[in-house]
Amino acid sequence: MRVLFPLLAISVSACALGPRDLNPRASMPPPSQPQHFSPAAGPEQVTRNMPVVKDWWHAFGNAEVDTLVDESLRHATDIALADAALRQARELAGAAVGAALPQVDASYQTQRTRVSSALAPAVTDSTQYLYTLHTAQLTVSYGLDLFGGTRARVRSARAAADVQRHRLDAARAAVVANLVQALIQRASLADQIDATQLTVAVNRDILQNLMRREALGAVGAADIATQQTALATAEAGLPALTRAEAHQRIAIGTLLGRAAGTTLPPLPALSAFTLPHDVPLVLPSDLVARRPDVGAARAQLEGTAADVGVAIAARLPNIQLSATGGSASQYPSDLFKNGNPFWSLVGGITQPIFHAGALRHQQHAAEAAFDGAKAQYRAAVLQAFGDVADALTGLSTDADALDAAARASNASGRALGFARRQLALGDVGTLGLLTATAADALARAQLIQARAARLSDTVAIFLAAGGGISEVR
């Protein structure tokens, strides 16, 4: 009893070994202020102090997008992989909890033995040298977790499961964001293909007009060759756009869990996307609490702290208790007769003495991993703030780019119209005509890209703010 009370005191005072300061000391930026993005050529957007909505893709107001997102959440391989990893981590955490509790094992053994006559057989009849022995026993074992090593293993396993839970949330958010981005890019490329085809048609029409004027002697072969070059240049832009649009279709199919070449559901056009008016105003404290990558880094930090406790406990005494009870007899019916049952109680303590520094190095390695987890958490927080700032900057510059692209498209369209009328009247040079057609084609493409960029950066702000999914589907 004199030894028991000091051991209990140690177990209470040292119930949680390892680092106690889990504050990674990540610096927070000042809260952002509401911003208005009001281009003259497009709808206004405003950042408001509002909660980040779940299922944020509904804000784009497109039923086709909603249907495609639902399918990707059910069939995306990245989500299936993250879900399997989470289930595995939870089962391992359950196994760690089970290992901390007493272990009970039952066994039954039948042994057929022939012993030498010089040896006394383990039976009541000393003249019986060939016999069968039946043994049934129950064993209970338990390791006293005086220094919290087992509890630290449980905390580490639970932290690993928490990491995988956050990674599953991140996988779902990434799949949805990548799908919506791919849909926007595909729609943008489809519009660019249409615009390029229109440019090809315009250049072909101009070439036909020039050929008619050549027949009248109004222009020479050099003008025809120049326009043929312009037509071929416009046609050369189509294959790259077509390939890029096909690539986005493949990416969409992959996110939907469909093989390349299979028929895709109806895909939305760029004009079918509604630009959300309200986007979230992100507060630093809310961002840290919502972002799944930050949550995963925090859980990883807690797990590495627990691993340090495991490494420290491995250098301290370990007490094991076990009890065994059973019975042995020549016949199964006699197992529990008087005189046959047996039992034993065993208690042991092990103190590591010399392991050539292995345990000390393992503790130092765990401490280094803990320091690395702190740095990883700070990096995740900084990345979160950087993503939000980058997305907000994108929304601001997108508004300016849209206005410039709209003005350029309107001006280039009028200039091309004037040039074509002058061509019909025979009062325009080839250089002026080429300049007008090239400027119009470039302005059309830039306007389409500017509209798509606003949609893409809106997706980015929802993702950066920690927008997720309301329920597991």
Protein backbone atom coordinates (compact mmCIF):
# COMPACT_ATOMS: atom_id res chain seq x y z
CA MET A 1 0.00 0.00 0.00
CA ARG A 2 2.91 2.37 0.67
CA VAL A 3 4.00 1.93 -2.93
CA LEU A 4 0.49 2.18 -4.36
CA PHE A 5 -0.26 5.71 -3.20
CA PRO A 6 2.86 7.28 -4.78
CA LEU A 7 2.06 5.50 -8.04
CA LEU A 8 -1.48 6.85 -7.99
CA ALA A 9 -0.15 10.32 -7.30
CA ILE A 10 2.19 10.04 -10.26
CA SER A 11 -0.62 8.81 -12.51
CA VAL A 12 -2.77 11.81 -11.59
CA SER A 13 -0.01 14.39 -11.91
CA ALA A 14 1.36 12.95 -15.17
CA CYS A 15 -1.89 11.97 -16.86
CA ALA A 16 -1.12 13.98 -19.98
CA LEU A 17 2.46 14.06 -21.16
CA GLY A 18 3.63 16.12 -24.08
CA PRO A 19 3.29 19.75 -25.19
CA ARG A 20 0.55 21.76 -23.50
CA ASP A 21 0.90 24.94 -25.56
CA LEU A 22 -0.87 24.20 -28.83
CA ASN A 23 -1.11 27.83 -29.91
CA PRO A 24 0.76 28.09 -33.24
CA ARG A 25 0.65 31.89 -32.97
CA ALA A 26 -0.61 32.62 -36.46
CA SER A 27 -0.94 36.35 -37.11
CA MET A 28 -4.36 37.69 -38.11
CA PRO A 29 -4.88 40.47 -40.66
CA PRO A 30 -7.22 43.37 -39.91
CA PRO A 31 -10.91 42.79 -40.76
CA SER A 32 -11.77 43.67 -44.34
CA GLN A 33 -14.30 46.36 -45.17
CA PRO A 34 -17.35 46.01 -47.45
CA GLN A 35 -16.53 46.58 -51.11
CA HIS A 36 -18.64 47.40 -54.18
CA PHE A 37 -17.76 46.20 -57.66
CA SER A 38 -19.95 48.14 -60.08
CA PRO A 39 -18.87 47.91 -63.73
CA ALA A 40 -20.93 49.91 -66.18
CA ALA A 41 -21.05 46.93 -68.57
CA GLY A 42 -22.26 44.30 -66.09
CA PRO A 43 -24.14 43.63 -62.85
CA GLU A 44 -22.95 44.98 -59.52
CA GLN A 45 -21.39 42.84 -56.81
CA VAL A 46 -21.14 43.69 -53.11
CA THR A 47 -19.30 42.04 -50.23
CA ARG A 48 -21.63 41.87 -47.24
CA ASN A 49 -21.22 40.83 -43.62
CA MET A 50 -23.20 37.65 -44.14
CA PRO A 51 -22.60 34.01 -43.25
CA VAL A 52 -20.95 31.92 -45.93
CA VAL A 53 -23.84 29.97 -47.36
CA LYS A 54 -23.66 26.25 -47.78
CA ASP A 55 -24.37 24.94 -51.27
CA TRP A 56 -23.10 28.27 -52.59
CA TRP A 57 -23.33 27.18 -56.25
CA HIS A 58 -27.10 27.74 -56.12
CA ALA A 59 -26.29 31.47 -56.15
CA PHE A 60 -25.46 31.18 -59.86
CA GLY A 61 -29.12 30.46 -60.54
CA ASN A 62 -28.69 27.60 -63.00
CA ALA A 63 -30.57 24.33 -62.66
CA GLU A 64 -28.12 22.50 -64.96
CA VAL A 65 -25.24 23.45 -62.65
CA ASP A 66 -27.18 22.21 -59.63
CA THR A 67 -27.85 18.86 -61.31
CA LEU A 68 -24.24 18.40 -62.37
CA VAL A 69 -22.95 19.27 -58.89
CA ASP A 70 -25.28 16.71 -57.31
CA GLU A 71 -23.96 14.05 -59.69
CA SER A 72 -20.33 14.93 -58.98
CA LEU A 73 -20.88 14.71 -55.23
CA ARG A 74 -22.21 11.19 -55.68
CA HIS A 75 -19.64 9.87 -58.15
CA ALA A 76 -16.39 11.89 -57.97
CA THR A 77 -13.45 9.59 -57.27
CA ASP A 78 -11.63 12.17 -55.12
CA ILE A 79 -14.59 12.24 -52.74
CA ALA A 80 -14.79 8.45 -52.66
CA LEU A 81 -11.07 8.26 -51.86
CA ALA A 82 -11.34 10.84 -49.05
CA ASP A 83 -14.43 9.11 -47.66
CA ALA A 84 -12.64 5.77 -47.55
CA ALA A 85 -9.66 7.38 -45.79
CA LEU A 86 -12.02 8.89 -43.21
CA ARG A 87 -13.72 5.56 -42.53
CA GLN A 88 -10.32 3.90 -42.16
CA ALA A 89 -9.11 6.59 -39.73
CA ARG A 90 -12.27 6.28 -37.63
CA GLU A 91 -11.88 2.53 -37.40
CA LEU A 92 -8.24 2.92 -36.37
CA ALA A 93 -9.33 5.41 -33.70
CA GLY A 94 -11.85 2.86 -32.46
CA ALA A 95 -9.11 0.24 -32.37
CA ALA A 96 -6.92 2.57 -30.31
CA VAL A 97 -9.74 3.07 -27.81
CA GLY A 98 -10.23 -0.70 -27.59
CA ALA A 99 -6.52 -1.22 -26.95
CA ALA A 100 -6.76 1.03 -23.89
CA LEU A 101 -9.33 -1.23 -22.21
CA PRO A 102 -8.79 -4.63 -20.56
CA GLN A 103 -8.26 -7.47 -23.02
CA VAL A 104 -10.09 -10.78 -22.51
CA ASP A 105 -9.16 -13.93 -24.44
CA ALA A 106 -10.60 -17.44 -24.23
CA SER A 107 -8.81 -20.54 -25.49
CA TYR A 108 -9.40 -24.26 -25.69
CA GLN A 109 -6.65 -26.74 -26.43
CA THR A 110 -6.58 -30.51 -27.00
CA GLN A 111 -3.24 -32.27 -26.61
CA ARG A 112 -2.46 -35.96 -27.40
CA THR A 113 0.76 -36.98 -25.60
CA ARG A 114 2.99 -40.05 -25.29
CA VAL A 115 5.57 -39.69 -22.51
CA SER A 116 8.50 -41.82 -21.44
CA SER A 117 7.99 -44.29 -18.62
CA ALA A 118 10.85 -42.58 -16.82
CA LEU A 119 8.74 -39.43 -16.54
CA ALA A 120 5.62 -39.03 -14.47
CA PRO A 121 2.70 -38.25 -16.75
CA ALA A 122 0.41 -35.32 -16.02
CA VAL A 123 -2.52 -37.60 -15.27
CA THR A 124 -3.85 -39.24 -12.16
CA ASP A 125 -2.84 -42.71 -13.28
CA SER A 126 0.96 -42.80 -13.18
CA THR A 127 1.04 -45.92 -15.34
CA GLN A 128 -0.75 -44.25 -18.22
CA TYR A 129 1.83 -42.94 -20.66
CA LEU A 130 -0.45 -42.26 -23.64
CA TYR A 131 -3.24 -39.82 -22.89
CA THR A 132 -5.24 -36.84 -24.17
CA LEU A 133 -5.31 -33.59 -22.17
CA HIS A 134 -8.05 -30.97 -22.62
CA THR A 135 -7.33 -27.45 -21.42
CA ALA A 136 -9.76 -24.51 -21.32
CA GLN A 137 -8.69 -21.11 -20.01
CA LEU A 138 -9.67 -17.45 -19.83
CA THR A 139 -7.03 -14.69 -19.77
CA VAL A 140 -7.57 -11.06 -18.74
CA SER A 141 -4.77 -8.53 -19.30
CA TYR A 142 -4.57 -4.81 -18.66
CA GLY A 143 -1.79 -2.26 -18.91
CA LEU A 144 -1.93 0.50 -16.28
CA ASP A 145 -1.71 3.78 -18.17
CA LEU A 146 0.10 5.61 -15.39
CA PHE A 147 1.82 8.13 -17.63
CA GLY A 148 -0.88 8.63 -20.26
CA GLY A 149 0.89 6.93 -23.15
CA THR A 150 -2.17 4.92 -24.11
CA ARG A 151 -4.46 7.93 -23.79
CA ALA A 152 -2.05 9.88 -25.96
CA ARG A 153 -2.29 7.17 -28.63
CA VAL A 154 -6.07 7.49 -28.51
CA ARG A 155 -5.86 11.27 -28.88
CA SER A 156 -3.47 10.88 -31.80
CA ALA A 157 -5.76 8.39 -33.54
CA ARG A 158 -8.80 10.61 -33.01
CA ALA A 159 -6.86 13.60 -34.32
CA ALA A 160 -5.94 11.59 -37.42
CA ALA A 161 -9.64 10.85 -37.95
CA ASP A 162 -10.40 14.55 -37.53
CA VAL A 163 -7.76 15.37 -40.14
CA GLN A 164 -9.44 13.01 -42.59
CA ARG A 165 -12.86 14.50 -41.80
CA HIS A 166 -11.61 17.95 -42.73
CA ARG A 167 -9.91 16.54 -45.83
CA LEU A 168 -13.18 14.98 -46.91
CA ASP A 169 -14.86 18.39 -46.54
CA ALA A 170 -12.01 19.92 -48.54
CA ALA A 171 -12.36 17.24 -51.24
CA ARG A 172 -16.09 17.91 -51.59
CA ALA A 173 -15.52 21.67 -51.76
CA ALA A 174 -12.71 21.26 -54.29
CA VAL A 175 -14.72 18.94 -56.52
CA VAL A 176 -17.66 21.34 -56.59
CA ALA A 177 -15.45 24.38 -57.21
CA ASN A 178 -13.45 22.60 -59.94
CA LEU A 179 -16.66 21.45 -61.61
CA VAL A 180 -18.24 24.92 -61.62
CA GLN A 181 -14.97 26.43 -62.85
CA ALA A 182 -14.78 23.83 -65.62
CA LEU A 183 -18.37 24.55 -66.63
CA ILE A 184 -17.60 28.28 -66.80
CA GLN A 185 -14.43 27.72 -68.81
CA ARG A 186 -16.15 25.34 -71.22
CA ALA A 187 -18.98 27.82 -71.75
CA SER A 188 -16.44 30.60 -72.31
CA LEU A 189 -14.56 28.51 -74.87
CA ALA A 190 -17.81 27.63 -76.62
CA ASP A 191 -18.60 31.36 -76.94
CA GLN A 192 -15.07 32.05 -78.15
CA ILE A 193 -15.49 29.33 -80.78
CA ASP A 194 -18.72 30.99 -81.92
CA ALA A 195 -16.99 34.38 -82.01
CA THR A 196 -14.08 32.95 -84.00
CA GLN A 197 -16.45 31.28 -86.43
CA LEU A 198 -18.16 34.65 -86.88
CA THR A 199 -14.77 36.24 -87.52
CA VAL A 200 -14.02 33.55 -90.10
CA ALA A 201 -17.36 34.22 -91.77
CA VAL A 202 -16.67 37.97 -91.84
CA ASN A 203 -13.21 37.46 -93.33
CA ARG A 204 -14.61 35.04 -95.90
CA ASP A 205 -17.26 37.60 -96.87
CA ILE A 206 -14.61 40.29 -97.17
CA LEU A 207 -12.51 38.00 -99.35
CA GLN A 208 -15.44 37.40 -101.68
CA ASN A 209 -16.04 41.16 -101.95
CA LEU A 210 -12.36 41.75 -102.73
CA MET A 211 -12.40 39.03 -105.38
CA ARG A 212 -15.39 40.69 -107.02
CA ARG A 213 -13.54 44.01 -106.96
CA GLU A 214 -10.44 42.30 -108.38
CA ALA A 215 -12.54 41.13 -111.31
CA LEU A 216 -13.43 44.78 -111.88
CA GLY A 217 -9.78 45.80 -111.64
CA ALA A 218 -10.28 47.85 -108.46
CA VAL A 219 -7.80 45.85 -106.35
CA GLY A 220 -4.77 43.77 -107.09
CA ALA A 221 -3.58 40.26 -106.32
CA ALA A 222 -1.61 41.54 -103.35
CA ASP A 223 -4.85 42.63 -101.63
CA ILE A 224 -6.39 39.23 -102.30
CA ALA A 225 -3.35 37.41 -100.87
CA THR A 226 -3.38 39.62 -97.79
CA GLN A 227 -7.05 38.88 -97.12
CA GLN A 228 -6.51 35.18 -97.72
CA THR A 229 -3.80 35.32 -95.05
CA ALA A 230 -6.21 37.00 -92.65
CA LEU A 231 -8.86 34.35 -93.33
CA ALA A 232 -6.38 31.50 -92.79
CA THR A 233 -5.14 33.12 -89.57
CA ALA A 234 -8.70 33.33 -88.23
CA GLU A 235 -9.35 29.71 -89.21
CA ALA A 236 -6.10 28.64 -87.50
CA GLY A 237 -7.45 29.84 -84.15
CA LEU A 238 -10.34 27.39 -84.22
CA PRO A 239 -8.49 24.08 -83.63
CA ALA A 240 -6.86 25.28 -80.42
CA LEU A 241 -10.17 26.54 -79.06
CA THR A 242 -11.92 23.33 -80.09
CA ARG A 243 -9.27 21.23 -78.37
CA ALA A 244 -9.47 23.34 -75.20
CA GLU A 245 -13.26 23.02 -75.14
CA ALA A 246 -12.98 19.24 -75.60
CA HIS A 247 -10.44 19.11 -72.77
CA GLN A 248 -12.89 20.88 -70.46
CA ARG A 249 -15.55 18.35 -71.42
CA ILE A 250 -13.19 15.54 -70.43
CA ALA A 251 -12.44 17.29 -67.13
CA ILE A 252 -16.16 17.70 -66.46
CA GLY A 253 -16.76 14.04 -67.23
CA THR A 254 -13.95 13.01 -64.87
CA LEU A 255 -15.45 15.11 -62.05
CA LEU A 256 -18.79 13.44 -62.75
CA GLY A 257 -17.22 9.99 -62.59
CA ARG A 258 -17.77 9.37 -66.31
CA ALA A 259 -15.24 7.97 -68.74
CA ALA A 260 -13.98 10.11 -71.60
CA GLY A 261 -16.10 9.74 -74.71
CA THR A 262 -19.36 9.09 -72.89
CA THR A 263 -22.30 11.41 -73.42
CA LEU A 264 -22.46 14.28 -70.96
CA PRO A 265 -25.63 15.85 -69.57
CA PRO A 266 -26.66 19.24 -70.98
CA LEU A 267 -23.98 21.81 -70.15
CA PRO A 268 -24.90 25.45 -69.39
CA ALA A 269 -24.04 28.33 -71.68
CA LEU A 270 -22.11 31.30 -70.34
CA SER A 271 -25.16 33.53 -70.63
CA ALA A 272 -27.12 31.07 -68.44
CA PHE A 273 -24.97 31.85 -65.39
CA THR A 274 -26.34 34.53 -63.07
CA LEU A 275 -23.60 36.53 -61.37
CA PRO A 276 -24.33 36.52 -57.60
CA HIS A 277 -24.95 40.03 -56.31
CA ASP A 278 -23.87 39.37 -52.70
CA VAL A 279 -20.58 37.72 -51.83
CA PRO A 280 -19.41 37.08 -48.26
CA LEU A 281 -17.34 39.58 -46.31
CA VAL A 282 -14.78 37.29 -44.70
CA LEU A 283 -13.76 37.90 -41.08
CA PRO A 284 -10.37 36.42 -40.11
CA SER A 285 -11.69 34.51 -37.08
CA ASP A 286 -14.57 33.03 -39.07
CA LEU A 287 -12.24 32.06 -41.90
CA VAL A 288 -9.94 30.12 -39.58
CA ALA A 289 -12.93 28.28 -38.12
CA ARG A 290 -14.51 27.43 -41.50
CA ARG A 291 -11.71 26.51 -43.86
CA PRO A 292 -11.29 22.72 -43.99
CA ASP A 293 -7.58 22.96 -44.78
CA VAL A 294 -7.03 25.07 -41.67
CA GLY A 295 -9.12 22.63 -39.64
CA ALA A 296 -7.05 19.72 -40.94
CA ALA A 297 -3.82 21.53 -40.02
CA ARG A 298 -5.16 22.19 -36.51
CA ALA A 299 -6.12 18.53 -36.05
CA GLN A 300 -2.69 17.51 -37.34
CA LEU A 301 -1.13 19.80 -34.73
CA GLU A 302 -3.13 18.13 -31.96
CA GLY A 303 -2.16 14.70 -33.23
CA THR A 304 1.56 15.47 -33.27
CA ALA A 305 1.31 16.85 -29.73
CA ALA A 306 -0.23 13.55 -28.65
CA ASP A 307 2.56 11.68 -30.45
CA VAL A 308 5.10 13.54 -28.30
CA GLY A 309 3.26 12.25 -25.23
CA VAL A 310 3.44 8.71 -26.59
CA ALA A 311 7.20 9.05 -27.14
CA ILE A 312 7.75 10.39 -23.62
CA ALA A 313 5.65 7.64 -22.04
CA ALA A 314 7.69 5.01 -23.88
CA ARG A 315 10.72 6.02 -21.74
CA LEU A 316 8.84 5.62 -18.44
CA PRO A 317 7.88 2.51 -16.46
CA ASN A 318 5.18 0.27 -17.89
CA ILE A 319 3.00 -1.85 -15.59
CA GLN A 320 1.12 -4.86 -16.93
CA LEU A 321 -1.47 -6.88 -15.01
CA SER A 322 -2.84 -10.24 -16.15
CA ALA A 323 -5.02 -12.97 -14.73
CA THR A 324 -5.50 -16.48 -16.10
CA GLY A 325 -8.06 -19.06 -15.02
CA GLY A 326 -9.00 -22.39 -16.51
CA SER A 327 -9.10 -26.12 -16.16
CA ALA A 328 -7.28 -29.17 -17.52
CA SER A 329 -8.56 -32.75 -17.66
CA GLN A 330 -8.30 -35.96 -19.62
CA TYR A 331 -11.96 -35.74 -20.52
CA PRO A 332 -13.98 -32.62 -21.44
CA SER A 333 -16.73 -33.64 -19.01
CA ASP A 334 -14.23 -33.53 -16.12
CA LEU A 335 -12.88 -30.03 -16.86
CA PHE A 336 -14.68 -28.32 -14.02
CA LYS A 337 -14.50 -31.06 -11.42
CA ASN A 338 -12.81 -30.31 -8.13
CA GLY A 339 -9.05 -30.28 -8.40
CA ASN A 340 -8.90 -29.58 -12.13
CA PRO A 341 -9.37 -25.77 -12.28
CA PHE A 342 -6.26 -23.58 -12.09
CA TRP A 343 -5.60 -19.83 -11.96
CA SER A 344 -2.76 -17.34 -11.82
CA LEU A 345 -2.33 -13.61 -11.20
CA VAL A 346 0.69 -11.85 -12.69
CA GLY A 347 1.85 -8.27 -12.27
CA GLY A 348 4.95 -6.86 -13.86
CA ILE A 349 6.71 -3.54 -14.30
CA THR A 350 9.17 -2.74 -17.08
CA GLN A 351 11.53 0.23 -17.05
CA PRO A 352 13.54 0.87 -20.22
CA ILE A 353 17.22 1.06 -19.25
CA PHE A 354 19.31 0.96 -22.40
CA HIS A 355 18.01 1.20 -25.97
CA ALA A 356 21.10 2.84 -27.48
CA GLY A 357 19.32 6.21 -27.57
CA ALA A 358 16.48 4.95 -29.76
CA LEU A 359 13.69 6.10 -27.42
CA ARG A 360 15.30 9.50 -26.91
CA HIS A 361 15.68 10.00 -30.66
CA GLN A 362 12.06 8.97 -31.18
CA GLN A 363 10.97 11.61 -28.69
CA HIS A 364 13.07 14.26 -30.41
CA ALA A 365 11.62 13.22 -33.77
CA ALA A 366 8.09 13.58 -32.38
CA GLU A 367 8.95 17.03 -31.03
CA ALA A 368 10.32 18.04 -34.43
CA ALA A 369 7.10 16.81 -36.07
CA PHE A 370 5.16 18.91 -33.58
CA ASP A 371 7.17 22.02 -34.53
CA GLY A 372 6.56 21.20 -38.19
CA ALA A 373 2.81 20.91 -37.56
CA LYS A 374 2.86 24.37 -35.97
CA ALA A 375 4.54 25.79 -39.05
CA GLN A 376 2.11 23.92 -41.30
CA TYR A 377 -0.84 25.41 -39.42
CA ARG A 378 0.57 28.93 -39.78
CA ALA A 379 1.12 28.27 -43.48
CA ALA A 380 -2.49 27.08 -43.87
CA VAL A 381 -3.80 30.21 -42.16
CA LEU A 382 -1.64 32.49 -44.30
CA GLN A 383 -2.73 30.62 -47.42
CA ALA A 384 -6.38 31.09 -46.44
CA PHE A 385 -5.96 34.83 -46.01
CA GLY A 386 -3.98 35.03 -49.25
CA ASP A 387 -6.70 33.17 -51.16
CA VAL A 388 -9.36 35.59 -49.92
CA ALA A 389 -7.27 38.66 -50.72
CA ASP A 390 -6.44 37.30 -54.17
CA ALA A 391 -10.10 36.55 -54.93
CA LEU A 392 -11.21 40.02 -53.79
CA THR A 393 -8.49 41.62 -55.92
CA GLY A 394 -9.71 39.52 -58.83
CA LEU A 395 -13.29 40.75 -58.41
CA SER A 396 -12.08 44.36 -58.35
CA THR A 397 -9.87 44.05 -61.43
CA ASP A 398 -12.49 41.95 -63.23
CA ALA A 399 -14.95 44.83 -63.04
CA ASP A 400 -12.42 47.20 -64.61
CA ALA A 401 -11.46 44.64 -67.26
CA LEU A 402 -15.11 44.06 -68.15
CA ASP A 403 -15.72 47.76 -68.68
CA ALA A 404 -12.62 48.10 -70.87
CA ALA A 405 -13.48 44.98 -72.85
CA ALA A 406 -17.07 46.14 -73.38
CA ARG A 407 -15.93 49.54 -74.64
CA ALA A 408 -13.38 47.90 -76.92
CA SER A 409 -15.96 45.45 -78.29
CA ASN A 410 -18.48 48.18 -78.99
CA ALA A 411 -15.89 50.41 -80.65
CA SER A 412 -14.35 47.60 -82.71
CA GLY A 413 -17.78 46.45 -83.85
CA ARG A 414 -18.63 49.93 -85.09
CA ALA A 415 -15.23 50.31 -86.73
CA LEU A 416 -15.64 47.00 -88.57
CA GLY A 417 -19.10 48.00 -89.70
CA PHE A 418 -17.75 51.26 -91.11
CA ALA A 419 -14.90 49.42 -92.84
CA ARG A 420 -17.24 46.91 -94.49
CA ARG A 421 -19.52 49.67 -95.77
CA GLN A 422 -16.50 51.53 -97.11
CA LEU A 423 -15.37 48.31 -98.76
CA ALA A 424 -18.70 48.05 -100.48
CA LEU A 425 -18.22 51.62 -101.70
CA GLY A 426 -14.63 50.92 -102.74
CA ASP A 427 -13.20 53.49 -100.32
CA VAL A 428 -11.03 51.50 -97.87
CA GLY A 429 -7.49 50.17 -97.96
CA THR A 430 -6.55 46.58 -97.23
CA LEU A 431 -4.50 47.54 -94.18
CA GLY A 432 -7.40 49.42 -92.59
CA LEU A 433 -9.74 46.51 -93.26
CA LEU A 434 -7.34 43.99 -91.73
CA THR A 435 -6.85 46.18 -88.68
CA ALA A 436 -10.59 46.49 -88.14
CA THR A 437 -11.27 42.76 -88.44
CA ALA A 438 -8.36 41.79 -86.17
CA ALA A 439 -9.36 44.34 -83.54
CA ASP A 440 -12.96 43.16 -83.60
CA ALA A 441 -11.97 39.50 -83.17
CA LEU A 442 -9.65 40.34 -80.26
CA ALA A 443 -12.24 42.55 -78.57
CA ARG A 444 -14.93 39.85 -78.82
CA ALA A 445 -12.63 37.28 -77.22
CA GLN A 446 -11.58 39.66 -74.45
CA LEU A 447 -15.20 40.49 -73.62
CA ILE A 448 -16.09 36.81 -73.33
CA GLN A 449 -13.03 36.17 -71.17
CA ALA A 450 -13.84 39.14 -68.93
CA ARG A 451 -17.36 37.84 -68.29
CA ALA A 452 -16.03 34.38 -67.54
CA ALA A 453 -13.35 35.80 -65.22
CA ARG A 454 -15.98 37.49 -63.03
CA LEU A 455 -17.82 34.19 -62.67
CA SER A 456 -14.60 32.26 -61.97
CA ASP A 457 -13.39 34.72 -59.34
CA THR A 458 -16.80 34.60 -57.68
CA VAL A 459 -16.38 30.84 -57.38
CA ALA A 460 -12.91 31.50 -55.94
CA ILE A 461 -14.23 33.85 -53.24
CA PHE A 462 -16.86 31.34 -52.13
CA LEU A 463 -14.24 28.59 -51.97
CA ALA A 464 -11.65 30.81 -50.23
CA ALA A 465 -14.23 31.87 -47.64
CA GLY A 466 -14.80 28.26 -46.64
CA GLY A 467 -18.11 27.68 -48.37
CA GLY A 468 -19.00 24.03 -48.19
CA ILE A 469 -21.84 21.56 -48.46
CA SER A 470 -24.85 21.45 -46.21
CA GLU A 471 -25.01 17.68 -45.84
CA VAL A 472 -23.29 14.48 -46.85
CA ARG A 473 -24.95 13.16 -49.99
